[in-house]
Amino acid sequence: MTLLSIRVIQLKRELLATGFRSLLLIGVAFFLFYASHLFWQQREYTFYFIGFLFIVCASIQLSRQDKTFIYTHLRHPHLEIFIEYLVLVLPFTFSSLFTPNWYYFPILVGALSLLPFYRQTYSQQAYFKSMSNVLPAYYFEWISGFRKMFLFLIPVYFLALAFSWFKILPLFLLWLLTVSIVTFYTECEPLHILRAGKLTAMQFVRQKLWRHARFLVLLYLPILLINTVFNFDYWLLNLLFIPVQLSLLCFAICFKYSSYEPNADLAANNMIVSLVSLGSVLPYLLPIPLIMSFVHYRKAVRNLKNYLHD
């Protein structure tokens, strides 16, 4: 299988490039495999789960840019693409064969076999251009991050919306979104963009925190409100969920500007941000993102004074 061999080579290259962080990624992958195994034990949720997996694969098929190469140069393009999607979902579906919900597996396989027959490619450029017109320019981290991760972010958000009346599950999905969103803050903008608002260092950081925190709350609020209505016993958990996610977001922003340099790539920061994000699911570690936000807020203001005139 030519296409599958290419993916294996690309995966090895990415793991080597991430270095130590690859261990974290592998750990998250094993956690998801185990979580999916537990998920298959829930009869009422399994249909939504395979629907989510199908939507992810369909999103890839709609937007992938290598279709011309595959359909032109590969001998069995439909089979190659189908096997690629099957291997992608297999770690999350194989355990279903040992549960009463085994019959969902052939349903998903049959649905995936139809995807390679759709050859058109969805135009991302026009979509992101319209998105840039909707979101103001000061959300450039979100626009850039969404451009890279929209195949993951859109399905997860709509899945959280679809499951918003369930217990715990929508909160877990929103937490996954937050973990993805905090990785947006790794690219430092040019100096002229930093100085565009003519703000002092403290004003800049506070304005940044306010705007991005407000956007995150507006994004999550509909799901949390629906979840609270259907699960009123969990209202306190939903209420506490918001400040926890905001503390992660504030930490990512302050951490970025505490080490800001014009046009610098701070991808190395993702390791610390990811560890803090993972720690936020443990009750006794919940104060850590908030504490680190305060610490790096002061560092961010002090660092930005080198670039912004008070």
C-alpha atoms as a PDB file:
ATOM      1  CA  MET A   1       0.000   0.000   0.000  1.00  0.00           C
ATOM      2  CA  THR A   2       1.813   3.085  -1.295  1.00  0.00           C
ATOM      3  CA  LEU A   3      -0.293   5.692   0.501  1.00  0.00           C
ATOM      4  CA  LEU A   4      -0.109   3.896   3.830  1.00  0.00           C
ATOM      5  CA  SER A   5       3.673   3.575   3.523  1.00  0.00           C
ATOM      6  CA  ILE A   6       3.925   7.319   2.929  1.00  0.00           C
ATOM      7  CA  ARG A   7       1.855   8.003   6.064  1.00  0.00           C
ATOM      8  CA  VAL A   8       4.091   5.732   8.160  1.00  0.00           C
ATOM      9  CA  ILE A   9       7.193   7.600   6.973  1.00  0.00           C
ATOM     10  CA  GLN A  10       5.527  10.956   7.717  1.00  0.00           C
ATOM     11  CA  LEU A  11       4.498   9.781  11.176  1.00  0.00           C
ATOM     12  CA  LYS A  12       8.038   8.654  12.012  1.00  0.00           C
ATOM     13  CA  ARG A  13       9.407  11.987  10.839  1.00  0.00           C
ATOM     14  CA  GLU A  14       6.916  13.947  12.971  1.00  0.00           C
ATOM     15  CA  LEU A  15       7.658  11.875  16.075  1.00  0.00           C
ATOM     16  CA  LEU A  16      11.379  12.380  15.641  1.00  0.00           C
ATOM     17  CA  ALA A  17      10.862  16.107  15.115  1.00  0.00           C
ATOM     18  CA  THR A  18       8.844  16.477  18.322  1.00  0.00           C
ATOM     19  CA  GLY A  19      11.518  14.700  20.379  1.00  0.00           C
ATOM     20  CA  PHE A  20      10.551  14.284  24.021  1.00  0.00           C
ATOM     21  CA  ARG A  21       7.099  15.666  23.325  1.00  0.00           C
ATOM     22  CA  SER A  22       6.347  12.547  21.269  1.00  0.00           C
ATOM     23  CA  LEU A  23       6.109  10.615  24.567  1.00  0.00           C
ATOM     24  CA  LEU A  24       3.340  12.958  25.653  1.00  0.00           C
ATOM     25  CA  LEU A  25       1.528  12.472  22.346  1.00  0.00           C
ATOM     26  CA  ILE A  26       1.835   8.697  22.621  1.00  0.00           C
ATOM     27  CA  GLY A  27       0.489   8.846  26.170  1.00  0.00           C
ATOM     28  CA  VAL A  28      -2.526  10.879  25.036  1.00  0.00           C
ATOM     29  CA  ALA A  29      -3.097   8.399  22.177  1.00  0.00           C
ATOM     30  CA  PHE A  30      -3.148   5.430  24.569  1.00  0.00           C
ATOM     31  CA  PHE A  31      -5.553   7.299  26.825  1.00  0.00           C
ATOM     32  CA  LEU A  32      -7.903   7.880  23.878  1.00  0.00           C
ATOM     33  CA  PHE A  33      -7.673   4.209  22.881  1.00  0.00           C
ATOM     34  CA  TYR A  34      -8.607   3.156  26.396  1.00  0.00           C
ATOM     35  CA  ALA A  35     -11.393   5.750  26.596  1.00  0.00           C
ATOM     36  CA  SER A  36     -12.852   4.495  23.307  1.00  0.00           C
ATOM     37  CA  HIS A  37     -12.819   0.940  24.683  1.00  0.00           C
ATOM     38  CA  LEU A  38     -14.881   2.120  27.656  1.00  0.00           C
ATOM     39  CA  PHE A  39     -17.122   4.074  25.314  1.00  0.00           C
ATOM     40  CA  TRP A  40     -18.104   0.929  23.421  1.00  0.00           C
ATOM     41  CA  GLN A  41     -19.611  -0.429  26.628  1.00  0.00           C
ATOM     42  CA  GLN A  42     -22.243   2.332  26.507  1.00  0.00           C
ATOM     43  CA  ARG A  43     -24.949   1.125  24.158  1.00  0.00           C
ATOM     44  CA  GLU A  44     -26.804   4.449  23.896  1.00  0.00           C
ATOM     45  CA  TYR A  45     -23.698   6.445  22.891  1.00  0.00           C
ATOM     46  CA  THR A  46     -22.047   4.202  20.307  1.00  0.00           C
ATOM     47  CA  PHE A  47     -24.036   5.434  17.303  1.00  0.00           C
ATOM     48  CA  TYR A  48     -22.900   9.004  17.990  1.00  0.00           C
ATOM     49  CA  PHE A  49     -19.332   7.799  18.390  1.00  0.00           C
ATOM     50  CA  ILE A  50     -19.140   6.131  14.976  1.00  0.00           C
ATOM     51  CA  GLY A  51     -20.878   9.185  13.527  1.00  0.00           C
ATOM     52  CA  PHE A  52     -18.105  11.349  14.957  1.00  0.00           C
ATOM     53  CA  LEU A  53     -15.403   9.082  13.481  1.00  0.00           C
ATOM     54  CA  PHE A  54     -17.114   9.160  10.096  1.00  0.00           C
ATOM     55  CA  ILE A  55     -17.383  12.969  10.198  1.00  0.00           C
ATOM     56  CA  VAL A  56     -13.649  13.249  10.937  1.00  0.00           C
ATOM     57  CA  CYS A  57     -12.769  11.040   7.943  1.00  0.00           C
ATOM     58  CA  ALA A  58     -15.297  12.837   5.723  1.00  0.00           C
ATOM     59  CA  SER A  59     -13.770  16.193   6.691  1.00  0.00           C
ATOM     60  CA  ILE A  60     -10.347  14.909   5.667  1.00  0.00           C
ATOM     61  CA  GLN A  61     -11.710  13.643   2.348  1.00  0.00           C
ATOM     62  CA  LEU A  62     -13.447  16.946   1.622  1.00  0.00           C
ATOM     63  CA  SER A  63     -10.375  19.077   2.239  1.00  0.00           C
ATOM     64  CA  ARG A  64      -7.344  16.921   1.348  1.00  0.00           C
ATOM     65  CA  GLN A  65      -5.098  18.477  -1.290  1.00  0.00           C
ATOM     66  CA  ASP A  66      -3.430  15.288  -2.579  1.00  0.00           C
ATOM     67  CA  LYS A  67      -6.391  13.888  -4.518  1.00  0.00           C
ATOM     68  CA  THR A  68      -4.952  14.748  -7.929  1.00  0.00           C
ATOM     69  CA  PHE A  69      -1.776  12.829  -7.165  1.00  0.00           C
ATOM     70  CA  ILE A  70      -3.615   9.844  -5.678  1.00  0.00           C
ATOM     71  CA  TYR A  71      -6.208   9.397  -8.430  1.00  0.00           C
ATOM     72  CA  THR A  72      -3.661  10.023 -11.183  1.00  0.00           C
ATOM     73  CA  HIS A  73      -0.587   8.094 -10.072  1.00  0.00           C
ATOM     74  CA  LEU A  74      -1.760   5.287  -7.774  1.00  0.00           C
ATOM     75  CA  ARG A  75      -2.980   2.029  -9.264  1.00  0.00           C
ATOM     76  CA  HIS A  76      -5.915   1.482  -6.898  1.00  0.00           C
ATOM     77  CA  PRO A  77      -6.705   4.954  -5.522  1.00  0.00           C
ATOM     78  CA  HIS A  78     -10.085   4.091  -3.994  1.00  0.00           C
ATOM     79  CA  LEU A  79      -8.663   1.104  -2.127  1.00  0.00           C
ATOM     80  CA  GLU A  80      -5.624   3.115  -0.971  1.00  0.00           C
ATOM     81  CA  ILE A  81      -7.776   5.900   0.481  1.00  0.00           C
ATOM     82  CA  PHE A  82     -10.226   3.464   2.074  1.00  0.00           C
ATOM     83  CA  ILE A  83      -7.422   1.551   3.832  1.00  0.00           C
ATOM     84  CA  GLU A  84      -5.953   4.836   5.052  1.00  0.00           C
ATOM     85  CA  TYR A  85      -9.246   5.786   6.741  1.00  0.00           C
ATOM     86  CA  LEU A  86      -9.743   2.257   8.067  1.00  0.00           C
ATOM     87  CA  VAL A  87      -6.310   2.278   9.722  1.00  0.00           C
ATOM     88  CA  LEU A  88      -7.067   5.717  11.157  1.00  0.00           C
ATOM     89  CA  VAL A  89     -10.244   4.591  12.947  1.00  0.00           C
ATOM     90  CA  LEU A  90      -9.181   1.010  13.730  1.00  0.00           C
ATOM     91  CA  PRO A  91      -7.489   1.804  17.092  1.00  0.00           C
ATOM     92  CA  PHE A  92     -10.757   3.394  18.257  1.00  0.00           C
ATOM     93  CA  THR A  93     -13.117   0.728  16.884  1.00  0.00           C
ATOM     94  CA  PHE A  94     -11.328  -2.630  17.098  1.00  0.00           C
ATOM     95  CA  SER A  95     -12.375  -3.231  20.697  1.00  0.00           C
ATOM     96  CA  SER A  96     -16.032  -2.949  19.639  1.00  0.00           C
ATOM     97  CA  LEU A  97     -15.765  -6.444  18.123  1.00  0.00           C
ATOM     98  CA  PHE A  98     -15.613  -7.845  21.659  1.00  0.00           C
ATOM     99  CA  THR A  99     -18.730  -6.039  22.887  1.00  0.00           C
ATOM    100  CA  PRO A 100     -22.479  -6.400  22.207  1.00  0.00           C
ATOM    101  CA  ASN A 101     -22.121  -3.364  19.916  1.00  0.00           C
ATOM    102  CA  TRP A 102     -19.886  -5.211  17.423  1.00  0.00           C
ATOM    103  CA  TYR A 103     -22.297  -4.629  14.539  1.00  0.00           C
ATOM    104  CA  TYR A 104     -21.444  -0.911  14.492  1.00  0.00           C
ATOM    105  CA  PHE A 105     -17.989  -1.747  13.178  1.00  0.00           C
ATOM    106  CA  PRO A 106     -19.132  -3.135   9.778  1.00  0.00           C
ATOM    107  CA  ILE A 107     -21.561  -0.199   9.487  1.00  0.00           C
ATOM    108  CA  LEU A 108     -18.682   2.244   9.865  1.00  0.00           C
ATOM    109  CA  VAL A 109     -16.491   0.249   7.456  1.00  0.00           C
ATOM    110  CA  GLY A 110     -19.257   0.311   4.841  1.00  0.00           C
ATOM    111  CA  ALA A 111     -19.679   4.073   5.238  1.00  0.00           C
ATOM    112  CA  LEU A 112     -15.919   4.673   4.953  1.00  0.00           C
ATOM    113  CA  SER A 113     -15.778   2.638   1.732  1.00  0.00           C
ATOM    114  CA  LEU A 114     -17.977   5.268   0.075  1.00  0.00           C
ATOM    115  CA  LEU A 115     -15.753   8.253   0.891  1.00  0.00           C
ATOM    116  CA  PRO A 116     -13.054   7.627  -1.788  1.00  0.00           C
ATOM    117  CA  PHE A 117     -15.670   8.077  -4.523  1.00  0.00           C
ATOM    118  CA  TYR A 118     -15.952  11.765  -3.653  1.00  0.00           C
ATOM    119  CA  ARG A 119     -13.157  13.371  -5.668  1.00  0.00           C
ATOM    120  CA  GLN A 120     -13.865  17.075  -5.317  1.00  0.00           C
ATOM    121  CA  THR A 121     -11.791  19.146  -2.904  1.00  0.00           C
ATOM    122  CA  TYR A 122     -13.369  21.702  -0.622  1.00  0.00           C
ATOM    123  CA  SER A 123     -11.849  25.129  -1.135  1.00  0.00           C
ATOM    124  CA  GLN A 124     -10.322  26.178   2.177  1.00  0.00           C
ATOM    125  CA  GLN A 125      -8.951  29.465   0.873  1.00  0.00           C
ATOM    126  CA  ALA A 126     -12.352  31.034   0.279  1.00  0.00           C
ATOM    127  CA  TYR A 127     -13.625  29.807   3.639  1.00  0.00           C
ATOM    128  CA  PHE A 128     -10.724  31.218   5.615  1.00  0.00           C
ATOM    129  CA  LYS A 129     -10.964  34.483   3.727  1.00  0.00           C
ATOM    130  CA  SER A 130     -14.585  34.818   4.856  1.00  0.00           C
ATOM    131  CA  MET A 131     -13.580  33.792   8.383  1.00  0.00           C
ATOM    132  CA  SER A 132     -10.966  36.553   8.442  1.00  0.00           C
ATOM    133  CA  ASN A 133     -13.729  39.000   7.551  1.00  0.00           C
ATOM    134  CA  VAL A 134     -15.868  37.792  10.474  1.00  0.00           C
ATOM    135  CA  LEU A 135     -13.186  37.724  13.164  1.00  0.00           C
ATOM    136  CA  PRO A 136     -11.305  40.980  13.846  1.00  0.00           C
ATOM    137  CA  ALA A 137      -7.593  41.051  13.050  1.00  0.00           C
ATOM    138  CA  TYR A 138      -6.632  40.997  16.740  1.00  0.00           C
ATOM    139  CA  TYR A 139      -7.802  37.367  16.841  1.00  0.00           C
ATOM    140  CA  PHE A 140      -5.003  36.443  14.457  1.00  0.00           C
ATOM    141  CA  GLU A 141      -3.881  33.550  16.702  1.00  0.00           C
ATOM    142  CA  TRP A 142      -7.352  32.011  16.437  1.00  0.00           C
ATOM    143  CA  ILE A 143      -7.534  32.528  12.684  1.00  0.00           C
ATOM    144  CA  SER A 144      -4.101  30.980  12.153  1.00  0.00           C
ATOM    145  CA  GLY A 145      -4.725  28.126  14.593  1.00  0.00           C
ATOM    146  CA  PHE A 146      -8.134  27.344  13.163  1.00  0.00           C
ATOM    147  CA  ARG A 147      -6.637  27.213   9.672  1.00  0.00           C
ATOM    148  CA  LYS A 148      -4.285  24.468  10.834  1.00  0.00           C
ATOM    149  CA  MET A 149      -6.656  22.471  13.048  1.00  0.00           C
ATOM    150  CA  PHE A 150     -10.180  23.045  11.735  1.00  0.00           C
ATOM    151  CA  LEU A 151     -10.548  19.371  10.762  1.00  0.00           C
ATOM    152  CA  PHE A 152     -10.336  18.566  14.467  1.00  0.00           C
ATOM    153  CA  LEU A 153     -11.906  21.647  16.029  1.00  0.00           C
ATOM    154  CA  ILE A 154     -15.158  21.737  14.047  1.00  0.00           C
ATOM    155  CA  PRO A 155     -16.172  18.078  14.633  1.00  0.00           C
ATOM    156  CA  VAL A 156     -15.271  18.250  18.337  1.00  0.00           C
ATOM    157  CA  TYR A 157     -17.221  21.472  18.902  1.00  0.00           C
ATOM    158  CA  PHE A 158     -20.338  20.230  17.117  1.00  0.00           C
ATOM    159  CA  LEU A 159     -20.039  16.908  18.895  1.00  0.00           C
ATOM    160  CA  ALA A 160     -19.978  18.777  22.217  1.00  0.00           C
ATOM    161  CA  LEU A 161     -23.031  20.730  21.060  1.00  0.00           C
ATOM    162  CA  ALA A 162     -24.829  17.538  20.033  1.00  0.00           C
ATOM    163  CA  PHE A 163     -24.001  15.907  23.381  1.00  0.00           C
ATOM    164  CA  SER A 164     -24.579  19.071  25.411  1.00  0.00           C
ATOM    165  CA  TRP A 165     -27.409  17.411  27.350  1.00  0.00           C
ATOM    166  CA  PHE A 166     -25.168  14.502  28.447  1.00  0.00           C
ATOM    167  CA  LYS A 167     -23.289  14.400  31.740  1.00  0.00           C
ATOM    168  CA  ILE A 168     -19.526  15.125  31.757  1.00  0.00           C
ATOM    169  CA  LEU A 169     -18.948  14.247  28.064  1.00  0.00           C
ATOM    170  CA  PRO A 170     -19.451  17.814  26.684  1.00  0.00           C
ATOM    171  CA  LEU A 171     -17.103  19.148  29.363  1.00  0.00           C
ATOM    172  CA  PHE A 172     -14.432  16.685  28.299  1.00  0.00           C
ATOM    173  CA  LEU A 173     -14.877  17.698  24.644  1.00  0.00           C
ATOM    174  CA  LEU A 174     -14.663  21.399  25.504  1.00  0.00           C
ATOM    175  CA  TRP A 175     -11.531  20.697  27.518  1.00  0.00           C
ATOM    176  CA  LEU A 176     -10.033  19.065  24.401  1.00  0.00           C
ATOM    177  CA  LEU A 177     -10.854  22.258  22.507  1.00  0.00           C
ATOM    178  CA  THR A 178      -9.148  24.366  25.159  1.00  0.00           C
ATOM    179  CA  VAL A 179      -6.054  22.161  25.029  1.00  0.00           C
ATOM    180  CA  SER A 180      -5.957  22.747  21.266  1.00  0.00           C
ATOM    181  CA  ILE A 181      -6.667  26.469  21.495  1.00  0.00           C
ATOM    182  CA  VAL A 182      -3.853  27.182  23.955  1.00  0.00           C
ATOM    183  CA  THR A 183      -1.379  25.838  21.389  1.00  0.00           C
ATOM    184  CA  PHE A 184      -2.344  28.736  19.088  1.00  0.00           C
ATOM    185  CA  TYR A 185      -0.127  31.095  21.078  1.00  0.00           C
ATOM    186  CA  THR A 186       3.279  29.993  19.825  1.00  0.00           C
ATOM    187  CA  GLU A 187       3.936  32.439  16.991  1.00  0.00           C
ATOM    188  CA  CYS A 188       5.003  35.961  17.879  1.00  0.00           C
ATOM    189  CA  GLU A 189       3.552  38.715  15.744  1.00  0.00           C
ATOM    190  CA  PRO A 190       5.815  41.317  14.076  1.00  0.00           C
ATOM    191  CA  LEU A 191       6.663  44.395  16.085  1.00  0.00           C
ATOM    192  CA  HIS A 192       4.471  46.751  14.030  1.00  0.00           C
ATOM    193  CA  ILE A 193       1.402  44.623  14.843  1.00  0.00           C
ATOM    194  CA  LEU A 194       2.315  44.610  18.518  1.00  0.00           C
ATOM    195  CA  ARG A 195       2.508  48.411  18.488  1.00  0.00           C
ATOM    196  CA  ALA A 196      -0.590  48.964  16.329  1.00  0.00           C
ATOM    197  CA  GLY A 197      -2.851  49.849  19.254  1.00  0.00           C
ATOM    198  CA  LYS A 198      -0.363  52.299  20.782  1.00  0.00           C
ATOM    199  CA  LEU A 199      -0.889  50.749  24.215  1.00  0.00           C
ATOM    200  CA  THR A 200       1.387  50.412  27.185  1.00  0.00           C
ATOM    201  CA  ALA A 201       2.641  46.947  28.100  1.00  0.00           C
ATOM    202  CA  MET A 202       0.069  46.536  30.887  1.00  0.00           C
ATOM    203  CA  GLN A 203      -2.790  47.828  28.726  1.00  0.00           C
ATOM    204  CA  PHE A 204      -1.817  45.497  25.899  1.00  0.00           C
ATOM    205  CA  VAL A 205      -1.771  42.360  28.058  1.00  0.00           C
ATOM    206  CA  ARG A 206      -5.020  43.223  29.824  1.00  0.00           C
ATOM    207  CA  GLN A 207      -6.779  43.991  26.559  1.00  0.00           C
ATOM    208  CA  LYS A 208      -5.500  40.742  25.040  1.00  0.00           C
ATOM    209  CA  LEU A 209      -6.687  38.697  28.011  1.00  0.00           C
ATOM    210  CA  TRP A 210     -10.105  40.369  28.056  1.00  0.00           C
ATOM    211  CA  ARG A 211     -10.814  39.969  24.350  1.00  0.00           C
ATOM    212  CA  HIS A 212      -9.735  36.350  24.078  1.00  0.00           C
ATOM    213  CA  ALA A 213     -11.341  35.296  27.355  1.00  0.00           C
ATOM    214  CA  ARG A 214     -14.616  36.889  26.293  1.00  0.00           C
ATOM    215  CA  PHE A 215     -14.530  35.039  22.980  1.00  0.00           C
ATOM    216  CA  LEU A 216     -13.893  31.697  24.690  1.00  0.00           C
ATOM    217  CA  VAL A 217     -16.786  32.225  27.110  1.00  0.00           C
ATOM    218  CA  LEU A 218     -19.169  33.114  24.256  1.00  0.00           C
ATOM    219  CA  LEU A 219     -18.048  29.992  22.414  1.00  0.00           C
ATOM    220  CA  TYR A 220     -18.595  27.642  25.364  1.00  0.00           C
ATOM    221  CA  LEU A 221     -21.600  29.287  27.028  1.00  0.00           C
ATOM    222  CA  PRO A 222     -24.401  27.741  24.868  1.00  0.00           C
ATOM    223  CA  ILE A 223     -23.127  24.210  25.535  1.00  0.00           C
ATOM    224  CA  LEU A 224     -22.696  24.810  29.271  1.00  0.00           C
ATOM    225  CA  LEU A 225     -26.147  26.375  29.603  1.00  0.00           C
ATOM    226  CA  ILE A 226     -27.830  23.436  27.860  1.00  0.00           C
ATOM    227  CA  ASN A 227     -25.836  21.007  29.968  1.00  0.00           C
ATOM    228  CA  THR A 228     -26.875  22.824  33.151  1.00  0.00           C
ATOM    229  CA  VAL A 229     -30.566  22.742  32.176  1.00  0.00           C
ATOM    230  CA  PHE A 230     -30.525  18.978  31.592  1.00  0.00           C
ATOM    231  CA  ASN A 231     -28.138  18.180  34.449  1.00  0.00           C
ATOM    232  CA  PHE A 232     -28.920  20.754  37.093  1.00  0.00           C
ATOM    233  CA  ASP A 233     -27.189  18.676  39.773  1.00  0.00           C
ATOM    234  CA  TYR A 234     -23.922  19.504  37.945  1.00  0.00           C
ATOM    235  CA  TRP A 235     -24.461  23.282  37.875  1.00  0.00           C
ATOM    236  CA  LEU A 236     -21.539  23.909  40.220  1.00  0.00           C
ATOM    237  CA  LEU A 237     -19.213  21.781  38.082  1.00  0.00           C
ATOM    238  CA  ASN A 238     -20.268  23.700  34.965  1.00  0.00           C
ATOM    239  CA  LEU A 239     -19.787  26.993  36.790  1.00  0.00           C
ATOM    240  CA  LEU A 240     -16.268  26.050  37.925  1.00  0.00           C
ATOM    241  CA  PHE A 241     -15.422  24.715  34.469  1.00  0.00           C
ATOM    242  CA  ILE A 242     -15.367  28.218  32.967  1.00  0.00           C
ATOM    243  CA  PRO A 243     -12.685  29.771  35.234  1.00  0.00           C
ATOM    244  CA  VAL A 244     -10.523  26.652  34.878  1.00  0.00           C
ATOM    245  CA  GLN A 245     -10.560  26.970  31.082  1.00  0.00           C
ATOM    246  CA  LEU A 246     -10.012  30.713  31.288  1.00  0.00           C
ATOM    247  CA  SER A 247      -7.006  30.184  33.547  1.00  0.00           C
ATOM    248  CA  LEU A 248      -5.482  27.881  30.914  1.00  0.00           C
ATOM    249  CA  LEU A 249      -6.107  30.461  28.206  1.00  0.00           C
ATOM    250  CA  CYS A 250      -4.686  33.304  30.297  1.00  0.00           C
ATOM    251  CA  PHE A 251      -1.633  31.247  31.130  1.00  0.00           C
ATOM    252  CA  ALA A 252      -0.978  30.500  27.435  1.00  0.00           C
ATOM    253  CA  ILE A 253      -1.242  34.206  26.548  1.00  0.00           C
ATOM    254  CA  CYS A 254       0.923  35.412  29.440  1.00  0.00           C
ATOM    255  CA  PHE A 255       3.446  32.651  28.820  1.00  0.00           C
ATOM    256  CA  LYS A 256       3.733  33.731  25.188  1.00  0.00           C
ATOM    257  CA  TYR A 257       4.381  37.373  25.960  1.00  0.00           C
ATOM    258  CA  SER A 258       6.709  36.634  28.862  1.00  0.00           C
ATOM    259  CA  SER A 259       9.142  35.291  26.253  1.00  0.00           C
ATOM    260  CA  TYR A 260       7.976  37.384  23.284  1.00  0.00           C
ATOM    261  CA  GLU A 261      10.420  38.321  20.540  1.00  0.00           C
ATOM    262  CA  PRO A 262       9.284  39.796  17.227  1.00  0.00           C
ATOM    263  CA  ASN A 263       8.527  37.052  14.660  1.00  0.00           C
ATOM    264  CA  ALA A 264       9.844  34.335  16.988  1.00  0.00           C
ATOM    265  CA  ASP A 265       8.501  30.789  16.958  1.00  0.00           C
ATOM    266  CA  LEU A 266       7.761  29.639  20.501  1.00  0.00           C
ATOM    267  CA  ALA A 267       6.763  26.079  19.620  1.00  0.00           C
ATOM    268  CA  ALA A 268       8.957  24.828  22.456  1.00  0.00           C
ATOM    269  CA  ASN A 269       6.467  26.447  24.859  1.00  0.00           C
ATOM    270  CA  ASN A 270       3.854  23.884  23.846  1.00  0.00           C
ATOM    271  CA  MET A 271       5.475  21.285  26.071  1.00  0.00           C
ATOM    272  CA  ILE A 272       4.909  23.367  29.222  1.00  0.00           C
ATOM    273  CA  VAL A 273       1.443  24.494  28.091  1.00  0.00           C
ATOM    274  CA  SER A 274       0.400  20.901  27.349  1.00  0.00           C
ATOM    275  CA  LEU A 275       1.593  19.677  30.739  1.00  0.00           C
ATOM    276  CA  VAL A 276      -0.311  22.453  32.521  1.00  0.00           C
ATOM    277  CA  SER A 277      -3.408  21.653  30.430  1.00  0.00           C
ATOM    278  CA  LEU A 278      -3.240  17.952  31.282  1.00  0.00           C
ATOM    279  CA  GLY A 279      -2.761  18.792  34.930  1.00  0.00           C
ATOM    280  CA  SER A 280      -5.976  20.828  34.924  1.00  0.00           C
ATOM    281  CA  VAL A 281      -8.070  17.630  34.935  1.00  0.00           C
ATOM    282  CA  LEU A 282      -6.741  16.684  38.379  1.00  0.00           C
ATOM    283  CA  PRO A 283      -8.592  18.458  41.228  1.00  0.00           C
ATOM    284  CA  TYR A 284      -5.517  19.056  43.395  1.00  0.00           C
ATOM    285  CA  LEU A 285      -3.679  20.649  40.448  1.00  0.00           C
ATOM    286  CA  LEU A 286      -6.463  23.050  39.452  1.00  0.00           C
ATOM    287  CA  PRO A 287      -4.834  26.124  41.081  1.00  0.00           C
ATOM    288  CA  ILE A 288      -1.630  25.677  39.079  1.00  0.00           C
ATOM    289  CA  PRO A 289      -2.802  27.354  35.807  1.00  0.00           C
ATOM    290  CA  LEU A 290      -4.147  30.320  37.792  1.00  0.00           C
ATOM    291  CA  ILE A 291      -0.950  30.693  39.821  1.00  0.00           C
ATOM    292  CA  MET A 292       1.225  30.429  36.717  1.00  0.00           C
ATOM    293  CA  SER A 293      -0.988  32.983  34.961  1.00  0.00           C
ATOM    294  CA  PHE A 294      -0.272  35.547  37.693  1.00  0.00           C
ATOM    295  CA  VAL A 295       3.453  34.763  37.653  1.00  0.00           C
ATOM    296  CA  HIS A 296       3.786  35.049  33.876  1.00  0.00           C
ATOM    297  CA  TYR A 297       1.475  38.069  33.699  1.00  0.00           C
ATOM    298  CA  ARG A 298       4.063  40.109  35.564  1.00  0.00           C
ATOM    299  CA  LYS A 299       6.841  38.654  33.415  1.00  0.00           C
ATOM    300  CA  ALA A 300       4.870  39.430  30.248  1.00  0.00           C
ATOM    301  CA  VAL A 301       4.350  43.064  31.233  1.00  0.00           C
ATOM    302  CA  ARG A 302       8.011  43.408  32.155  1.00  0.00           C
ATOM    303  CA  ASN A 303       9.158  41.820  28.877  1.00  0.00           C
ATOM    304  CA  LEU A 304       6.821  43.880  26.686  1.00  0.00           C
ATOM    305  CA  LYS A 305       8.153  47.109  28.184  1.00  0.00           C
ATOM    306  CA  ASN A 306      11.206  46.449  26.003  1.00  0.00           C
ATOM    307  CA  TYR A 307       9.017  46.779  22.890  1.00  0.00           C
ATOM    308  CA  LEU A 308       6.134  49.056  23.925  1.00  0.00           C
ATOM    309  CA  HIS A 309       6.567  52.621  25.141  1.00  0.00           C
ATOM    310  CA  ASP A 310       4.870  53.439  28.430  1.00  0.00           C
END
